[in-house]
């Protein structure tokens, strides 16, 4: 993959999380509450992966609704795993950014 494309994708997917974390740090400083922001980020990332898993499960269920079962040795499960991975890579950073923003908003108003 081209290095410029990798940089653009990193900025696109990690940008919101890093920007929200920077804004919280700029407003609060090195307060003890900021130590909980990485925990909120990790919780959001895990929540995003779980949400992607449920989304892909619903999509797989809808796909298999009117089709016969897959044959032995088919690669259908691996394909759905790949779809889940892509969905998790898209959804998790945004959920992490939302969880970090909510935690920062709660700590700033507390």
N, C-alpha and C. Protein backbone atom coordinates (compact mmCIF):
# COMPACT_ATOMS: atom_id res chain seq x y z
N UNK A 1 0.84 -1.17 0.00
CA UNK A 1 0.00 0.00 0.00
C UNK A 1 0.89 1.24 0.00
N UNK A 2 0.46 2.25 -0.66
CA UNK A 2 1.23 3.47 -0.76
C UNK A 2 1.32 4.15 0.60
N UNK A 3 2.47 4.70 0.93
CA UNK A 3 2.70 5.31 2.24
C UNK A 3 1.79 6.50 2.49
N UNK A 4 1.50 7.28 1.47
CA UNK A 4 0.60 8.42 1.63
C UNK A 4 -0.82 7.98 1.97
N UNK A 5 -1.28 6.88 1.35
CA UNK A 5 -2.61 6.35 1.64
C UNK A 5 -2.68 5.85 3.07
N UNK A 6 -1.63 5.21 3.54
CA UNK A 6 -1.59 4.74 4.93
C UNK A 6 -1.66 5.92 5.88
N UNK A 7 -0.93 6.98 5.59
CA UNK A 7 -0.96 8.17 6.45
C UNK A 7 -2.35 8.80 6.47
N UNK A 8 -3.00 8.88 5.32
CA UNK A 8 -4.35 9.46 5.25
C UNK A 8 -5.34 8.60 6.04
N UNK A 9 -5.25 7.29 5.93
CA UNK A 9 -6.14 6.41 6.68
C UNK A 9 -5.90 6.52 8.18
N UNK A 10 -4.64 6.62 8.59
CA UNK A 10 -4.35 6.79 10.02
C UNK A 10 -4.93 8.09 10.55
N UNK A 11 -4.77 9.17 9.80
CA UNK A 11 -5.33 10.45 10.23
C UNK A 11 -6.85 10.39 10.27
N UNK A 12 -7.46 9.73 9.29
CA UNK A 12 -8.91 9.63 9.22
C UNK A 12 -9.48 8.84 10.39
N UNK A 13 -8.86 7.72 10.72
CA UNK A 13 -9.42 6.85 11.74
C UNK A 13 -8.95 7.19 13.16
N UNK A 14 -7.73 7.69 13.32
CA UNK A 14 -7.24 8.02 14.65
C UNK A 14 -7.38 9.50 14.98
N UNK A 15 -7.64 10.32 13.98
CA UNK A 15 -7.74 11.77 14.18
C UNK A 15 -8.75 12.20 15.22
N UNK A 16 -10.00 11.71 15.15
CA UNK A 16 -10.98 12.17 16.14
C UNK A 16 -10.58 11.84 17.57
N UNK A 17 -10.06 10.64 17.81
CA UNK A 17 -9.65 10.25 19.16
C UNK A 17 -8.50 11.13 19.65
N UNK A 18 -7.51 11.34 18.80
CA UNK A 18 -6.37 12.15 19.21
C UNK A 18 -6.76 13.61 19.42
N UNK A 19 -7.64 14.15 18.58
CA UNK A 19 -8.06 15.54 18.72
C UNK A 19 -8.85 15.75 20.01
N UNK A 20 -9.76 14.84 20.32
CA UNK A 20 -10.55 14.96 21.55
C UNK A 20 -9.64 14.83 22.77
N UNK A 21 -8.71 13.91 22.72
CA UNK A 21 -7.76 13.78 23.83
C UNK A 21 -6.92 15.03 24.01
N UNK A 22 -6.49 15.63 22.91
CA UNK A 22 -5.71 16.87 22.99
C UNK A 22 -6.54 18.01 23.56
N UNK A 23 -7.78 18.13 23.12
CA UNK A 23 -8.64 19.19 23.63
C UNK A 23 -8.89 19.04 25.13
N UNK A 24 -9.09 17.81 25.58
CA UNK A 24 -9.29 17.57 27.01
C UNK A 24 -8.03 17.92 27.78
N UNK A 25 -6.87 17.54 27.25
CA UNK A 25 -5.62 17.85 27.93
C UNK A 25 -5.38 19.36 27.97
N UNK A 26 -5.70 20.06 26.90
CA UNK A 26 -5.49 21.50 26.85
C UNK A 26 -6.41 22.22 27.84
N UNK A 27 -7.59 21.70 28.05
CA UNK A 27 -8.54 22.36 28.95
C UNK A 27 -8.26 22.03 30.41
N UNK A 28 -7.92 20.80 30.72
CA UNK A 28 -7.77 20.36 32.11
C UNK A 28 -6.32 20.38 32.56
N UNK A 29 -5.39 20.09 31.67
CA UNK A 29 -3.99 19.98 32.07
C UNK A 29 -3.68 18.57 32.52
N UNK A 30 -2.77 18.45 33.47
CA UNK A 30 -2.34 17.13 33.93
C UNK A 30 -3.11 16.71 35.17
N UNK A 31 -4.41 16.85 35.14
CA UNK A 31 -5.23 16.45 36.28
C UNK A 31 -5.31 14.93 36.36
N UNK A 32 -5.64 14.43 37.53
CA UNK A 32 -5.70 12.97 37.72
C UNK A 32 -6.81 12.36 36.88
N UNK A 33 -7.84 13.16 36.57
CA UNK A 33 -8.97 12.61 35.81
C UNK A 33 -8.57 12.23 34.39
N UNK A 34 -7.54 12.87 33.87
CA UNK A 34 -7.10 12.53 32.52
C UNK A 34 -6.52 11.13 32.43
N UNK A 35 -6.14 10.57 33.57
CA UNK A 35 -5.63 9.20 33.54
C UNK A 35 -6.72 8.21 33.17
N UNK A 36 -7.98 8.61 33.35
CA UNK A 36 -9.07 7.72 33.00
C UNK A 36 -9.47 7.81 31.52
N UNK A 37 -8.97 8.80 30.82
CA UNK A 37 -9.32 8.93 29.40
C UNK A 37 -8.82 7.77 28.55
N UNK A 38 -7.60 7.25 28.75
CA UNK A 38 -7.21 6.06 27.98
C UNK A 38 -8.08 4.84 28.28
N UNK A 39 -8.56 4.74 29.51
CA UNK A 39 -9.47 3.64 29.84
C UNK A 39 -10.78 3.81 29.09
N UNK A 40 -11.27 5.05 29.02
CA UNK A 40 -12.49 5.32 28.25
C UNK A 40 -12.25 5.03 26.77
N UNK A 41 -11.06 5.36 26.25
CA UNK A 41 -10.75 5.09 24.85
C UNK A 41 -10.76 3.59 24.58
N UNK A 42 -10.11 2.81 25.47
CA UNK A 42 -10.05 1.36 25.30
C UNK A 42 -11.44 0.75 25.41
N UNK A 43 -12.24 1.23 26.34
CA UNK A 43 -13.61 0.73 26.48
C UNK A 43 -14.41 1.02 25.21
N UNK A 44 -14.25 2.20 24.66
CA UNK A 44 -14.94 2.53 23.42
C UNK A 44 -14.49 1.68 22.26
N UNK A 45 -13.19 1.40 22.18
CA UNK A 45 -12.68 0.55 21.10
C UNK A 45 -13.25 -0.86 21.20
N UNK A 46 -13.30 -1.39 22.42
CA UNK A 46 -13.87 -2.73 22.61
C UNK A 46 -15.36 -2.71 22.31
N UNK A 47 -16.06 -1.68 22.76
CA UNK A 47 -17.49 -1.56 22.47
C UNK A 47 -17.73 -1.47 20.97
N UNK A 48 -16.89 -0.75 20.25
CA UNK A 48 -17.02 -0.65 18.80
C UNK A 48 -16.81 -1.99 18.11
N UNK A 49 -15.86 -2.79 18.60
CA UNK A 49 -15.63 -4.11 18.01
C UNK A 49 -16.83 -5.03 18.27
N UNK A 50 -17.42 -4.91 19.46
CA UNK A 50 -18.60 -5.72 19.77
C UNK A 50 -19.78 -5.27 18.92
N UNK A 51 -19.93 -3.95 18.75
CA UNK A 51 -21.01 -3.45 17.90
C UNK A 51 -20.83 -3.92 16.45
N UNK A 52 -19.59 -3.94 15.98
CA UNK A 52 -19.33 -4.43 14.62
C UNK A 52 -19.65 -5.92 14.52
N UNK A 53 -19.38 -6.66 15.60
CA UNK A 53 -19.69 -8.09 15.60
C UNK A 53 -21.20 -8.31 15.48
N UNK A 54 -21.98 -7.53 16.23
CA UNK A 54 -23.43 -7.66 16.13
C UNK A 54 -23.93 -7.24 14.75
N UNK A 55 -23.37 -6.17 14.21
CA UNK A 55 -23.77 -5.71 12.88
C UNK A 55 -23.49 -6.79 11.83
N UNK A 56 -22.32 -7.39 11.88
CA UNK A 56 -21.98 -8.43 10.91
C UNK A 56 -22.83 -9.68 11.14
N UNK A 57 -23.16 -9.97 12.40
CA UNK A 57 -24.05 -11.10 12.69
C UNK A 57 -25.42 -10.90 12.07
N UNK A 58 -25.96 -9.69 12.17
CA UNK A 58 -27.26 -9.40 11.56
C UNK A 58 -27.15 -9.48 10.04
N UNK A 59 -26.07 -8.94 9.48
CA UNK A 59 -25.89 -9.01 8.03
C UNK A 59 -25.76 -10.46 7.55
N UNK A 60 -25.05 -11.29 8.31
CA UNK A 60 -24.91 -12.70 7.93
C UNK A 60 -26.25 -13.41 8.05
N UNK A 61 -27.00 -13.09 9.10
CA UNK A 61 -28.32 -13.71 9.26
C UNK A 61 -29.23 -13.33 8.10
N UNK A 62 -29.21 -12.05 7.71
CA UNK A 62 -30.03 -11.62 6.58
C UNK A 62 -29.56 -12.27 5.27
N UNK A 63 -28.26 -12.48 5.14
CA UNK A 63 -27.72 -13.09 3.93
C UNK A 63 -28.12 -14.56 3.83
N UNK A 64 -28.18 -15.25 4.97
CA UNK A 64 -28.48 -16.69 4.98
C UNK A 64 -29.96 -16.98 5.14
N UNK A 65 -30.80 -15.95 5.13
CA UNK A 65 -32.22 -16.12 5.41
C UNK A 65 -32.89 -17.04 4.39
N UNK A 66 -32.62 -16.85 3.13
CA UNK A 66 -33.28 -17.63 2.08
C UNK A 66 -32.31 -18.45 1.24
N UNK A 67 -31.17 -18.80 1.82
CA UNK A 67 -30.19 -19.60 1.08
C UNK A 67 -29.95 -20.90 1.81
N UNK A 68 -29.60 -21.94 1.09
CA UNK A 68 -29.31 -23.21 1.77
C UNK A 68 -28.00 -23.10 2.55
N UNK A 69 -27.77 -24.02 3.47
CA UNK A 69 -26.52 -23.98 4.24
C UNK A 69 -25.30 -24.15 3.34
N UNK A 70 -24.19 -23.58 3.78
CA UNK A 70 -22.95 -23.67 3.00
C UNK A 70 -22.42 -25.09 3.02
N UNK A 71 -21.75 -25.43 1.96
CA UNK A 71 -21.17 -26.77 1.87
C UNK A 71 -19.96 -26.93 2.78
N UNK A 72 -19.59 -28.18 2.99
CA UNK A 72 -18.44 -28.46 3.84
C UNK A 72 -17.18 -27.89 3.20
N UNK A 73 -16.36 -27.25 4.00
CA UNK A 73 -15.10 -26.70 3.52
C UNK A 73 -15.24 -25.36 2.84
N UNK A 74 -16.40 -24.74 2.91
CA UNK A 74 -16.56 -23.44 2.26
C UNK A 74 -15.84 -22.37 3.08
N UNK A 75 -15.54 -21.27 2.44
CA UNK A 75 -14.80 -20.18 3.09
C UNK A 75 -15.73 -19.07 3.55
N UNK A 76 -17.01 -19.33 3.70
CA UNK A 76 -17.96 -18.30 4.08
C UNK A 76 -17.66 -17.70 5.44
N UNK A 77 -17.28 -18.53 6.40
CA UNK A 77 -16.96 -18.02 7.73
C UNK A 77 -15.75 -17.11 7.73
N UNK A 78 -14.77 -17.44 6.92
CA UNK A 78 -13.57 -16.60 6.82
C UNK A 78 -13.91 -15.27 6.18
N UNK A 79 -14.81 -15.29 5.20
CA UNK A 79 -15.23 -14.05 4.56
C UNK A 79 -15.95 -13.14 5.56
N UNK A 80 -16.84 -13.72 6.37
CA UNK A 80 -17.54 -12.91 7.36
C UNK A 80 -16.59 -12.40 8.43
N UNK A 81 -15.57 -13.17 8.74
CA UNK A 81 -14.54 -12.69 9.68
C UNK A 81 -13.82 -11.48 9.10
N UNK A 82 -13.51 -11.52 7.80
CA UNK A 82 -12.88 -10.38 7.15
C UNK A 82 -13.78 -9.16 7.13
N UNK A 83 -15.08 -9.39 6.88
CA UNK A 83 -16.03 -8.27 6.89
C UNK A 83 -16.11 -7.69 8.29
N UNK A 84 -16.11 -8.55 9.33
CA UNK A 84 -16.13 -8.05 10.71
C UNK A 84 -14.88 -7.24 11.00
N UNK A 85 -13.73 -7.69 10.53
CA UNK A 85 -12.49 -6.98 10.78
C UNK A 85 -12.52 -5.58 10.17
N UNK A 86 -13.00 -5.48 8.94
CA UNK A 86 -13.11 -4.17 8.30
C UNK A 86 -14.11 -3.29 9.05
N UNK A 87 -15.25 -3.85 9.42
CA UNK A 87 -16.26 -3.08 10.16
C UNK A 87 -15.71 -2.64 11.51
N UNK A 88 -14.97 -3.50 12.19
CA UNK A 88 -14.40 -3.14 13.49
C UNK A 88 -13.34 -2.05 13.33
N UNK A 89 -12.56 -2.10 12.26
CA UNK A 89 -11.56 -1.08 12.04
C UNK A 89 -12.18 0.27 11.72
N UNK A 90 -13.40 0.26 11.21
CA UNK A 90 -14.08 1.52 10.91
C UNK A 90 -14.86 2.03 12.12
N UNK A 91 -15.57 1.15 12.80
CA UNK A 91 -16.46 1.56 13.89
C UNK A 91 -15.70 1.82 15.19
N UNK A 92 -14.69 1.02 15.50
CA UNK A 92 -14.01 1.12 16.80
C UNK A 92 -13.37 2.49 17.07
N UNK A 93 -12.65 3.10 16.14
CA UNK A 93 -12.08 4.41 16.44
C UNK A 93 -13.14 5.48 16.71
N UNK A 94 -14.26 5.40 16.01
CA UNK A 94 -15.31 6.38 16.24
C UNK A 94 -15.98 6.17 17.60
N UNK A 95 -16.20 4.91 17.98
CA UNK A 95 -16.74 4.64 19.32
C UNK A 95 -15.74 5.06 20.38
N UNK A 96 -14.46 4.83 20.14
CA UNK A 96 -13.44 5.24 21.10
C UNK A 96 -13.43 6.75 21.25
N UNK A 97 -13.57 7.47 20.14
CA UNK A 97 -13.62 8.93 20.21
C UNK A 97 -14.85 9.41 20.97
N UNK A 98 -15.98 8.78 20.74
CA UNK A 98 -17.21 9.17 21.45
C UNK A 98 -17.08 8.89 22.94
N UNK A 99 -16.56 7.73 23.31
CA UNK A 99 -16.40 7.40 24.73
C UNK A 99 -15.41 8.34 25.39
N UNK A 100 -14.33 8.69 24.70
CA UNK A 100 -13.36 9.63 25.27
C UNK A 100 -13.98 11.00 25.44
N UNK A 101 -14.75 11.43 24.46
CA UNK A 101 -15.42 12.73 24.55
C UNK A 101 -16.41 12.76 25.71
N UNK A 102 -17.19 11.68 25.86
CA UNK A 102 -18.15 11.62 26.95
C UNK A 102 -17.46 11.63 28.31
N UNK A 103 -16.35 10.89 28.43
CA UNK A 103 -15.61 10.87 29.69
C UNK A 103 -15.01 12.24 29.99
N UNK A 104 -14.45 12.89 28.98
CA UNK A 104 -13.87 14.22 29.19
C UNK A 104 -14.96 15.22 29.56
N UNK A 105 -16.11 15.13 28.91
CA UNK A 105 -17.21 16.04 29.22
C UNK A 105 -17.70 15.81 30.65
N UNK A 106 -17.78 14.55 31.07
CA UNK A 106 -18.21 14.24 32.44
C UNK A 106 -17.20 14.75 33.46
N UNK A 107 -15.90 14.57 33.19
CA UNK A 107 -14.89 14.99 34.15
C UNK A 107 -14.77 16.51 34.22
N UNK A 108 -15.01 17.18 33.10
CA UNK A 108 -14.91 18.64 33.11
C UNK A 108 -16.09 19.27 33.85
N UNK A 109 -17.23 18.61 33.83
CA UNK A 109 -18.40 19.14 34.52
C UNK A 109 -18.52 18.64 35.95
N UNK A 110 -17.69 17.68 36.34
CA UNK A 110 -17.78 17.12 37.70
C UNK A 110 -17.15 18.03 38.73
